[in-house]
Amino acid sequence: MAGRLALRSAEPTAVQVFLGSTTASLNLKRNAGGNATPLGSIKTEADLTEITLPTILYRMIFKGYYNRMHELQLYERQLYGPMFKVRGGNTHVISLNSVELLEELMRKDDKFPSRGDMTLWTEYRDMNGLGYGPITEEGEKWYKLRLVLNKHMLHPKDSVQYENMINEVVTDFIKRVYHLRKMSSTGDLVPNMSNEMYRFTLEAWWWECLWGILKRKVEQHKVSNIHQFCDVIMEEWKRTPVATCEALTSNTMMWALYLLSQDPKAQETLYQEVNSIIKGDKVPTAEDINSMPYLKSVIKETLRMYPVVPMNSRLLSENDVIIGGHFFPKKTTFIMNHYAISHDETVFPEPRVFKPERWLRDGRERPIPFGSIPFGFGVRGCVGKRIAELEMHLALAR
């Protein structure tokens, strides 16, 4: 009996195996903030504060957070700090609420980052005969798809080719707004601006929803390269302006207009900048936008204050990792609370104040890069980022 006990106690733990695989001479691990963590002091997830799913449900239902999930992030960060564990039954996730932990996780991401369990998504698409796209695909198939899309979608020059088509839609939108204002009882009111904005904005994430339809379109047109494929998509979108997956652009534009309406000084600054570049009835171009730093800052600040995706998850499926001085085995799921991070006053002073100037490169403020990542980071970053940004910039400039 004593022999068996001695043998069992000598078996290495997962943490010991992980640490043993490092170079013998390496006595320190550094986190994203540059702080050294002695290997001997590394903790496990068992050392984290744990809350249960029923606790969260109670706060949502009885504390009124069911439609204020972004504020629940702030509340729980205040209670439990930058990292804690949420347990529901036999599963659990690790919640991250600081920019340092977020950066550390992102920089240790897998080659094939996983979003987690996509079973419901894939089953739905299989039942309806739809293919998979950049969001639902996983593993090496996803990686090959992203390599093709990244090459032709994430370079600024590739989004420029769509500026004329985007400007056509913006022109239609402006005409529609003028018409609705004229027809309203007051002569200056648009009854439902959010619906109109939603109808006339190109959505960066609409690819996933139309993937099955577009797959058939591509076959019909016998598309031979990615540029021709994008042309087919854009033409299809022009005929189906409401067929979108996420209201990324429309939501951001609505908040930008609201914030500017509440800040006359910012509105005037933007107006003067646009007028200095765009003369008369000239339609702005992507090149013009590059000369409007304040306009770009307005969009960045809007996305910081009102991120379209306030949280998302990441499943590290390939390797064990150390995050924030804690060891986590592979297959651990992390929840990244972007709203809590982008409203951290240690990262963004006066986080609830609309300050586009904080993004200007004039030395006034230097925002931490991972403090606001509305389009994600790394290989899982939004493939439609450039087009979405171009659309918002062109629309706001007009």
Protein backbone atom coordinates (compact mmCIF):
# COMPACT_ATOMS: atom_id res chain seq x y z
CA MET A 1 0.00 0.00 0.00
CA ALA A 2 2.74 2.42 0.96
CA GLY A 3 4.56 1.56 -2.25
CA ARG A 4 1.51 2.33 -4.35
CA LEU A 5 1.01 5.65 -2.53
CA ALA A 6 4.63 6.60 -3.05
CA LEU A 7 4.43 5.69 -6.72
CA ARG A 8 1.23 7.68 -7.23
CA SER A 9 2.63 10.76 -5.51
CA ALA A 10 5.64 10.63 -7.80
CA GLU A 11 3.54 10.85 -10.96
CA PRO A 12 4.05 14.23 -12.64
CA THR A 13 1.12 16.62 -12.90
CA ALA A 14 0.16 18.31 -16.16
CA VAL A 15 1.80 21.51 -14.96
CA GLN A 16 5.03 19.69 -14.14
CA VAL A 17 5.07 18.03 -17.55
CA PHE A 18 4.50 21.39 -19.22
CA LEU A 19 7.23 23.10 -17.24
CA GLY A 20 9.57 20.18 -17.71
CA SER A 21 9.34 20.59 -21.46
CA THR A 22 10.88 24.04 -21.29
CA THR A 23 14.61 24.69 -21.54
CA ALA A 24 16.32 23.84 -18.28
CA SER A 25 18.07 27.17 -18.11
CA LEU A 26 14.83 29.13 -18.53
CA ASN A 27 13.72 30.12 -15.04
CA LEU A 28 11.27 32.85 -15.94
CA LYS A 29 8.22 33.23 -18.14
CA ARG A 30 7.19 36.67 -19.29
CA ASN A 31 3.59 37.68 -19.76
CA ALA A 32 2.28 40.12 -22.39
CA GLY A 33 2.97 43.07 -20.13
CA GLY A 34 6.64 42.15 -19.85
CA ASN A 35 6.43 41.12 -16.18
CA ALA A 36 8.45 38.09 -15.21
CA THR A 37 6.63 35.11 -13.67
CA PRO A 38 8.81 32.59 -11.80
CA LEU A 39 7.99 29.10 -13.03
CA GLY A 40 7.71 27.87 -9.48
CA SER A 41 4.92 30.34 -8.74
CA ILE A 42 2.69 29.38 -11.66
CA LYS A 43 -0.86 28.67 -10.51
CA THR A 44 -3.65 26.59 -12.03
CA GLU A 45 -7.24 27.38 -12.90
CA ALA A 46 -8.23 25.89 -9.54
CA ASP A 47 -6.73 29.02 -7.95
CA LEU A 48 -9.13 31.30 -9.80
CA THR A 49 -12.32 32.72 -8.34
CA GLU A 50 -15.21 30.59 -9.57
CA ILE A 51 -18.79 31.64 -10.22
CA THR A 52 -21.59 29.42 -11.48
CA LEU A 53 -23.92 29.78 -14.42
CA PRO A 54 -26.97 30.02 -12.11
CA THR A 55 -25.35 33.09 -10.52
CA ILE A 56 -25.09 34.77 -13.91
CA LEU A 57 -28.66 33.79 -14.81
CA TYR A 58 -29.87 35.24 -11.51
CA ARG A 59 -28.18 38.55 -12.30
CA MET A 60 -29.60 38.57 -15.80
CA ILE A 61 -33.19 37.80 -14.76
CA PHE A 62 -33.57 39.37 -11.32
CA LYS A 63 -30.94 42.10 -11.47
CA GLY A 64 -32.02 43.34 -14.89
CA TYR A 65 -28.85 42.53 -16.82
CA TYR A 66 -30.62 40.40 -19.44
CA ASN A 67 -30.57 43.30 -21.91
CA ARG A 68 -27.46 44.95 -20.47
CA MET A 69 -24.88 42.22 -20.86
CA HIS A 70 -22.17 44.79 -21.55
CA GLU A 71 -22.77 46.35 -18.13
CA LEU A 72 -22.69 42.90 -16.55
CA GLN A 73 -19.12 42.63 -17.83
CA LEU A 74 -18.15 45.79 -15.95
CA TYR A 75 -19.94 44.62 -12.81
CA GLU A 76 -18.26 41.22 -12.75
CA ARG A 77 -14.83 42.67 -13.51
CA GLN A 78 -15.25 44.94 -10.50
CA LEU A 79 -16.23 41.95 -8.33
CA TYR A 80 -13.77 39.30 -9.51
CA GLY A 81 -10.91 41.12 -11.19
CA PRO A 82 -9.17 40.56 -14.54
CA MET A 83 -9.63 36.77 -14.72
CA PHE A 84 -12.12 34.32 -13.23
CA LYS A 85 -13.79 31.00 -13.97
CA VAL A 86 -17.43 30.44 -14.91
CA ARG A 87 -18.77 26.93 -14.34
CA GLY A 88 -21.91 25.43 -15.83
CA GLY A 89 -22.42 21.75 -15.04
CA ASN A 90 -19.38 19.73 -16.07
CA THR A 91 -17.93 22.46 -18.26
CA HIS A 92 -16.32 25.78 -17.55
CA VAL A 93 -14.82 28.79 -19.32
CA ILE A 94 -12.18 31.32 -18.33
CA SER A 95 -13.30 34.94 -18.46
CA LEU A 96 -10.66 37.56 -19.36
CA ASN A 97 -11.17 41.24 -18.52
CA SER A 98 -7.82 42.96 -18.97
CA VAL A 99 -5.89 44.13 -22.01
CA GLU A 100 -2.71 42.38 -20.82
CA LEU A 101 -4.44 39.00 -20.57
CA LEU A 102 -6.18 39.50 -23.90
CA GLU A 103 -2.90 40.27 -25.65
CA GLU A 104 -1.18 37.32 -24.01
CA LEU A 105 -3.94 34.97 -25.18
CA MET A 106 -4.03 36.37 -28.72
CA ARG A 107 -0.26 36.06 -29.15
CA LYS A 108 -0.37 32.43 -28.04
CA ASP A 109 -3.19 31.50 -30.41
CA ASP A 110 -3.09 28.25 -32.37
CA LYS A 111 -2.24 28.03 -36.06
CA PHE A 112 -5.84 26.96 -36.63
CA PRO A 113 -7.74 29.02 -34.01
CA SER A 114 -11.02 27.44 -32.95
CA ARG A 115 -14.18 29.35 -32.07
CA GLY A 116 -15.42 26.45 -29.95
CA ASP A 117 -18.40 24.18 -30.47
CA MET A 118 -19.94 25.01 -33.87
CA THR A 119 -22.21 21.95 -33.96
CA LEU A 120 -25.49 23.87 -34.18
CA TRP A 121 -24.14 26.09 -36.96
CA THR A 122 -22.84 23.20 -39.01
CA GLU A 123 -25.95 21.05 -38.51
CA TYR A 124 -28.18 23.91 -39.64
CA ARG A 125 -26.12 24.50 -42.75
CA ASP A 126 -26.00 20.78 -43.54
CA MET A 127 -29.79 20.51 -43.19
CA ASN A 128 -30.28 23.41 -45.60
CA GLY A 129 -27.67 22.32 -48.10
CA LEU A 130 -25.42 25.29 -47.39
CA GLY A 131 -21.65 25.22 -47.54
CA TYR A 132 -19.28 26.41 -44.83
CA GLY A 133 -17.55 29.77 -44.82
CA PRO A 134 -14.85 31.64 -42.88
CA ILE A 135 -16.90 31.62 -39.67
CA THR A 136 -18.14 28.02 -39.49
CA GLU A 137 -15.21 26.23 -41.12
CA GLU A 138 -12.48 24.90 -38.84
CA GLY A 139 -9.00 23.42 -38.98
CA GLU A 140 -6.91 23.13 -42.11
CA LYS A 141 -9.91 23.68 -44.43
CA TRP A 142 -10.55 27.03 -42.76
CA TYR A 143 -6.85 27.91 -42.94
CA LYS A 144 -6.67 27.29 -46.70
CA LEU A 145 -9.82 29.33 -47.25
CA ARG A 146 -8.48 32.23 -45.20
CA LEU A 147 -5.15 32.21 -47.02
CA VAL A 148 -6.97 32.85 -50.29
CA LEU A 149 -9.31 35.49 -48.84
CA ASN A 150 -6.57 37.26 -46.88
CA LYS A 151 -4.43 37.64 -49.98
CA HIS A 152 -7.16 39.47 -51.87
CA MET A 153 -9.30 41.05 -49.14
CA LEU A 154 -7.09 42.44 -46.39
CA HIS A 155 -4.77 44.64 -48.43
CA PRO A 156 -5.98 48.27 -48.69
CA LYS A 157 -5.56 48.33 -52.47
CA ASP A 158 -7.99 45.43 -52.83
CA SER A 159 -10.83 47.23 -51.06
CA VAL A 160 -10.28 50.37 -53.16
CA GLN A 161 -11.63 48.60 -56.24
CA TYR A 162 -15.08 48.64 -54.63
CA GLU A 163 -15.20 52.34 -53.79
CA ASN A 164 -17.36 53.24 -56.81
CA MET A 165 -19.91 50.56 -55.99
CA ILE A 166 -19.99 51.59 -52.33
CA ASN A 167 -20.41 55.24 -53.31
CA GLU A 168 -23.35 54.26 -55.53
CA VAL A 169 -25.07 52.71 -52.53
CA VAL A 170 -24.25 55.70 -50.32
CA THR A 171 -25.73 58.02 -52.95
CA ASP A 172 -28.94 55.97 -53.01
CA PHE A 173 -29.03 56.07 -49.22
CA ILE A 174 -28.66 59.86 -49.11
CA LYS A 175 -31.43 60.29 -51.68
CA ARG A 176 -33.63 57.99 -49.62
CA VAL A 177 -32.99 60.01 -46.45
CA TYR A 178 -33.85 63.29 -48.19
CA HIS A 179 -37.06 61.75 -49.51
CA LEU A 180 -38.12 60.41 -46.11
CA ARG A 181 -37.42 63.74 -44.43
CA LYS A 182 -39.46 65.56 -47.04
CA MET A 183 -42.38 63.15 -46.65
CA SER A 184 -42.42 63.24 -42.84
CA SER A 185 -44.99 65.31 -40.95
CA THR A 186 -42.31 67.68 -39.63
CA GLY A 187 -40.35 67.85 -42.87
CA ASP A 188 -37.03 67.01 -41.22
CA LEU A 189 -37.46 63.66 -39.49
CA VAL A 190 -36.60 60.14 -40.66
CA PRO A 191 -39.09 57.79 -38.93
CA ASN A 192 -36.74 54.81 -38.52
CA MET A 193 -33.16 55.71 -39.32
CA SER A 194 -31.75 52.41 -38.07
CA ASN A 195 -33.82 50.42 -40.57
CA GLU A 196 -32.71 52.67 -43.41
CA MET A 197 -29.08 52.43 -42.38
CA TYR A 198 -29.35 48.67 -42.18
CA ARG A 199 -30.83 48.41 -45.67
CA PHE A 200 -28.17 50.51 -47.35
CA THR A 201 -24.95 49.35 -45.78
CA LEU A 202 -22.61 46.66 -47.00
CA GLU A 203 -21.96 44.17 -44.23
CA ALA A 204 -18.48 42.74 -43.84
CA TRP A 205 -19.80 39.50 -42.38
CA TRP A 206 -22.58 38.80 -44.85
CA TRP A 207 -20.40 36.24 -46.65
CA GLU A 208 -21.26 33.54 -44.17
CA CYS A 209 -25.04 33.89 -44.60
CA LEU A 210 -24.93 33.94 -48.40
CA TRP A 211 -22.22 31.34 -48.78
CA GLY A 212 -24.55 28.64 -50.05
CA ILE A 213 -26.28 30.99 -52.52
CA LEU A 214 -23.02 32.47 -53.71
CA LYS A 215 -21.50 29.06 -54.16
CA ARG A 216 -24.16 28.33 -56.77
CA LYS A 217 -23.66 31.79 -58.30
CA VAL A 218 -19.95 31.13 -58.63
CA GLU A 219 -20.61 27.83 -60.38
CA GLN A 220 -23.03 29.52 -62.79
CA HIS A 221 -20.51 32.21 -63.66
CA LYS A 222 -17.61 29.72 -63.75
CA VAL A 223 -15.49 32.09 -61.73
CA SER A 224 -11.80 31.52 -62.32
CA ASN A 225 -10.23 33.74 -59.66
CA ILE A 226 -10.96 35.49 -56.39
CA HIS A 227 -11.34 38.94 -57.94
CA GLN A 228 -14.04 37.73 -60.29
CA PHE A 229 -15.63 35.93 -57.35
CA CYS A 230 -15.80 39.20 -55.40
CA ASP A 231 -17.38 40.93 -58.40
CA VAL A 232 -20.14 38.31 -58.48
CA ILE A 233 -20.71 38.78 -54.76
CA MET A 234 -20.94 42.55 -55.02
CA GLU A 235 -23.45 42.35 -57.87
CA GLU A 236 -25.56 39.89 -55.86
CA TRP A 237 -25.45 42.20 -52.86
CA LYS A 238 -26.66 45.15 -54.92
CA ARG A 239 -29.79 43.14 -55.76
CA THR A 240 -30.21 41.92 -52.17
CA PRO A 241 -29.29 44.82 -49.85
CA VAL A 242 -31.00 43.36 -46.77
CA ALA A 243 -29.43 39.91 -46.93
CA THR A 244 -26.81 40.36 -44.23
CA CYS A 245 -25.45 38.31 -41.36
CA GLU A 246 -24.32 40.99 -38.95
CA ALA A 247 -25.26 44.66 -38.64
CA LEU A 248 -21.64 45.70 -38.18
CA THR A 249 -21.54 48.75 -40.40
CA SER A 250 -25.09 49.97 -39.85
CA ASN A 251 -24.84 49.68 -36.07
CA THR A 252 -21.54 51.55 -35.96
CA MET A 253 -22.79 54.28 -38.27
CA MET A 254 -25.90 54.80 -36.13
CA TRP A 255 -23.80 55.22 -33.00
CA ALA A 256 -21.34 57.50 -34.79
CA LEU A 257 -24.15 59.81 -35.91
CA TYR A 258 -25.63 59.79 -32.42
CA LEU A 259 -22.32 60.58 -30.72
CA LEU A 260 -21.60 63.40 -33.17
CA SER A 261 -25.07 64.85 -32.60
CA GLN A 262 -24.32 64.98 -28.88
CA ASP A 263 -20.93 66.64 -29.37
CA PRO A 264 -21.17 69.82 -31.53
CA LYS A 265 -17.43 70.46 -31.19
CA ALA A 266 -16.51 67.05 -32.58
CA GLN A 267 -19.14 67.47 -35.29
CA GLU A 268 -17.67 70.82 -36.35
CA THR A 269 -14.11 69.45 -36.32
CA LEU A 270 -15.16 66.61 -38.60
CA TYR A 271 -17.12 68.96 -40.86
CA GLN A 272 -14.14 71.26 -41.30
CA GLU A 273 -11.79 68.36 -42.06
CA VAL A 274 -14.11 66.90 -44.71
CA ASN A 275 -14.71 70.30 -46.32
CA SER A 276 -10.98 70.94 -46.53
CA ILE A 277 -10.56 67.79 -48.64
CA ILE A 278 -13.86 67.42 -50.50
CA LYS A 279 -14.71 70.47 -52.58
CA GLY A 280 -18.19 71.15 -53.94
CA ASP A 281 -20.14 68.11 -55.12
CA LYS A 282 -17.09 65.88 -55.44
CA VAL A 283 -17.64 62.30 -54.33
CA PRO A 284 -14.93 61.21 -51.86
CA THR A 285 -12.48 58.48 -52.78
CA ALA A 286 -10.41 56.08 -50.72
CA GLU A 287 -7.41 58.32 -51.36
CA ASP A 288 -9.32 61.28 -49.92
CA ILE A 289 -10.15 59.28 -46.81
CA ASN A 290 -6.44 58.76 -46.14
CA SER A 291 -6.20 62.54 -45.68
CA MET A 292 -8.92 62.56 -43.00
CA PRO A 293 -7.40 61.31 -39.74
CA TYR A 294 -10.16 62.80 -37.58
CA LEU A 295 -12.86 61.00 -39.57
CA LYS A 296 -11.06 57.70 -39.06
CA SER A 297 -10.71 58.51 -35.36
CA VAL A 298 -14.46 59.07 -35.07
CA ILE A 299 -15.10 55.55 -36.35
CA LYS A 300 -12.41 54.05 -34.09
CA GLU A 301 -13.79 55.79 -31.03
CA THR A 302 -17.33 54.70 -31.88
CA LEU A 303 -16.21 51.09 -32.20
CA ARG A 304 -14.39 51.37 -28.88
CA MET A 305 -17.42 52.71 -27.03
CA TYR A 306 -19.97 50.48 -28.75
CA PRO A 307 -18.29 47.34 -30.08
CA VAL A 308 -20.66 45.34 -32.26
CA VAL A 309 -19.31 42.15 -30.72
CA PRO A 310 -18.85 42.94 -27.00
CA MET A 311 -17.42 39.49 -26.31
CA ASN A 312 -16.26 36.39 -28.12
CA SER A 313 -14.58 33.10 -27.32
CA ARG A 314 -11.46 31.21 -28.21
CA LEU A 315 -10.70 27.53 -27.74
CA LEU A 316 -7.00 26.73 -27.54
CA SER A 317 -7.09 23.21 -28.89
CA GLU A 318 -3.47 22.46 -29.77
CA ASN A 319 -1.27 23.33 -26.80
CA ASP A 320 -1.19 23.92 -23.07
CA VAL A 321 -0.62 27.58 -22.21
CA ILE A 322 0.24 29.90 -19.37
CA ILE A 323 -1.95 33.01 -19.22
CA GLY A 324 -1.61 35.57 -16.46
CA GLY A 325 0.64 33.27 -14.45
CA HIS A 326 -1.91 30.42 -14.56
CA PHE A 327 -1.48 27.09 -16.34
CA PHE A 328 -4.32 26.00 -18.63
CA PRO A 329 -4.44 22.64 -20.42
CA LYS A 330 -5.32 22.45 -24.10
CA LYS A 331 -9.05 22.44 -24.91
CA THR A 332 -9.59 25.31 -22.46
CA THR A 333 -12.19 27.85 -23.62
CA PHE A 334 -11.61 31.55 -22.96
CA ILE A 335 -14.20 34.33 -23.06
CA MET A 336 -12.76 37.70 -24.08
CA ASN A 337 -14.84 40.56 -22.66
CA HIS A 338 -14.05 43.32 -25.15
CA TYR A 339 -16.53 45.82 -23.74
CA ALA A 340 -15.03 45.62 -20.25
CA ILE A 341 -11.52 46.00 -21.69
CA SER A 342 -12.36 48.95 -23.94
CA HIS A 343 -14.02 50.69 -20.97
CA ASP A 344 -11.13 50.16 -18.58
CA GLU A 345 -10.09 53.61 -17.35
CA THR A 346 -6.51 52.44 -16.88
CA VAL A 347 -6.40 51.79 -20.64
CA PHE A 348 -8.66 54.61 -21.84
CA PRO A 349 -8.97 57.59 -19.48
CA GLU A 350 -12.59 58.76 -19.24
CA PRO A 351 -13.83 55.67 -21.08
CA ARG A 352 -17.46 56.84 -21.24
CA VAL A 353 -16.51 60.14 -22.89
CA PHE A 354 -16.52 60.39 -26.69
CA LYS A 355 -12.98 61.53 -27.54
CA PRO A 356 -11.97 60.85 -31.16
CA GLU A 357 -8.76 62.80 -30.60
CA ARG A 358 -7.43 59.99 -28.42
CA TRP A 359 -6.72 58.08 -31.65
CA LEU A 360 -4.82 60.87 -33.42
CA ARG A 361 -1.08 60.39 -33.83
CA ASP A 362 -0.12 63.76 -32.41
CA GLY A 363 1.16 62.63 -29.04
CA ARG A 364 -1.94 63.54 -27.04
CA GLU A 365 -2.76 59.94 -26.17
CA ARG A 366 -1.35 56.61 -27.19
CA PRO A 367 -4.07 53.95 -27.00
CA ILE A 368 -2.91 50.44 -26.20
CA PRO A 369 -3.33 48.38 -29.42
CA PHE A 370 -5.27 45.53 -27.79
CA GLY A 371 -7.51 47.92 -25.86
CA SER A 372 -9.97 47.93 -28.74
CA ILE A 373 -9.94 45.25 -31.44
CA PRO A 374 -13.43 45.42 -33.01
CA PHE A 375 -12.32 43.40 -36.03
CA GLY A 376 -10.41 40.81 -34.04
CA PHE A 377 -6.71 40.05 -34.26
CA GLY A 378 -4.46 37.65 -36.09
CA VAL A 379 -5.52 34.92 -38.47
CA ARG A 380 -9.11 34.92 -37.13
CA GLY A 381 -9.49 38.66 -37.68
CA CYS A 382 -12.45 39.84 -39.74
CA VAL A 383 -11.75 39.17 -43.42
CA GLY A 384 -14.09 42.00 -44.43
CA LYS A 385 -12.35 44.61 -42.30
CA ARG A 386 -11.02 46.74 -45.16
CA ILE A 387 -14.33 46.85 -47.02
CA ALA A 388 -16.31 47.58 -43.85
CA GLU A 389 -13.95 50.42 -42.90
CA LEU A 390 -14.04 51.88 -46.39
CA GLU A 391 -17.83 51.86 -46.41
CA MET A 392 -18.11 53.58 -43.03
CA HIS A 393 -15.51 56.19 -43.97
CA LEU A 394 -17.11 56.99 -47.33
CA ALA A 395 -20.60 57.15 -45.84
CA LEU A 396 -19.60 59.39 -42.93
CA ALA A 397 -17.62 61.71 -45.21
CA ARG A 398 -20.82 62.43 -47.15
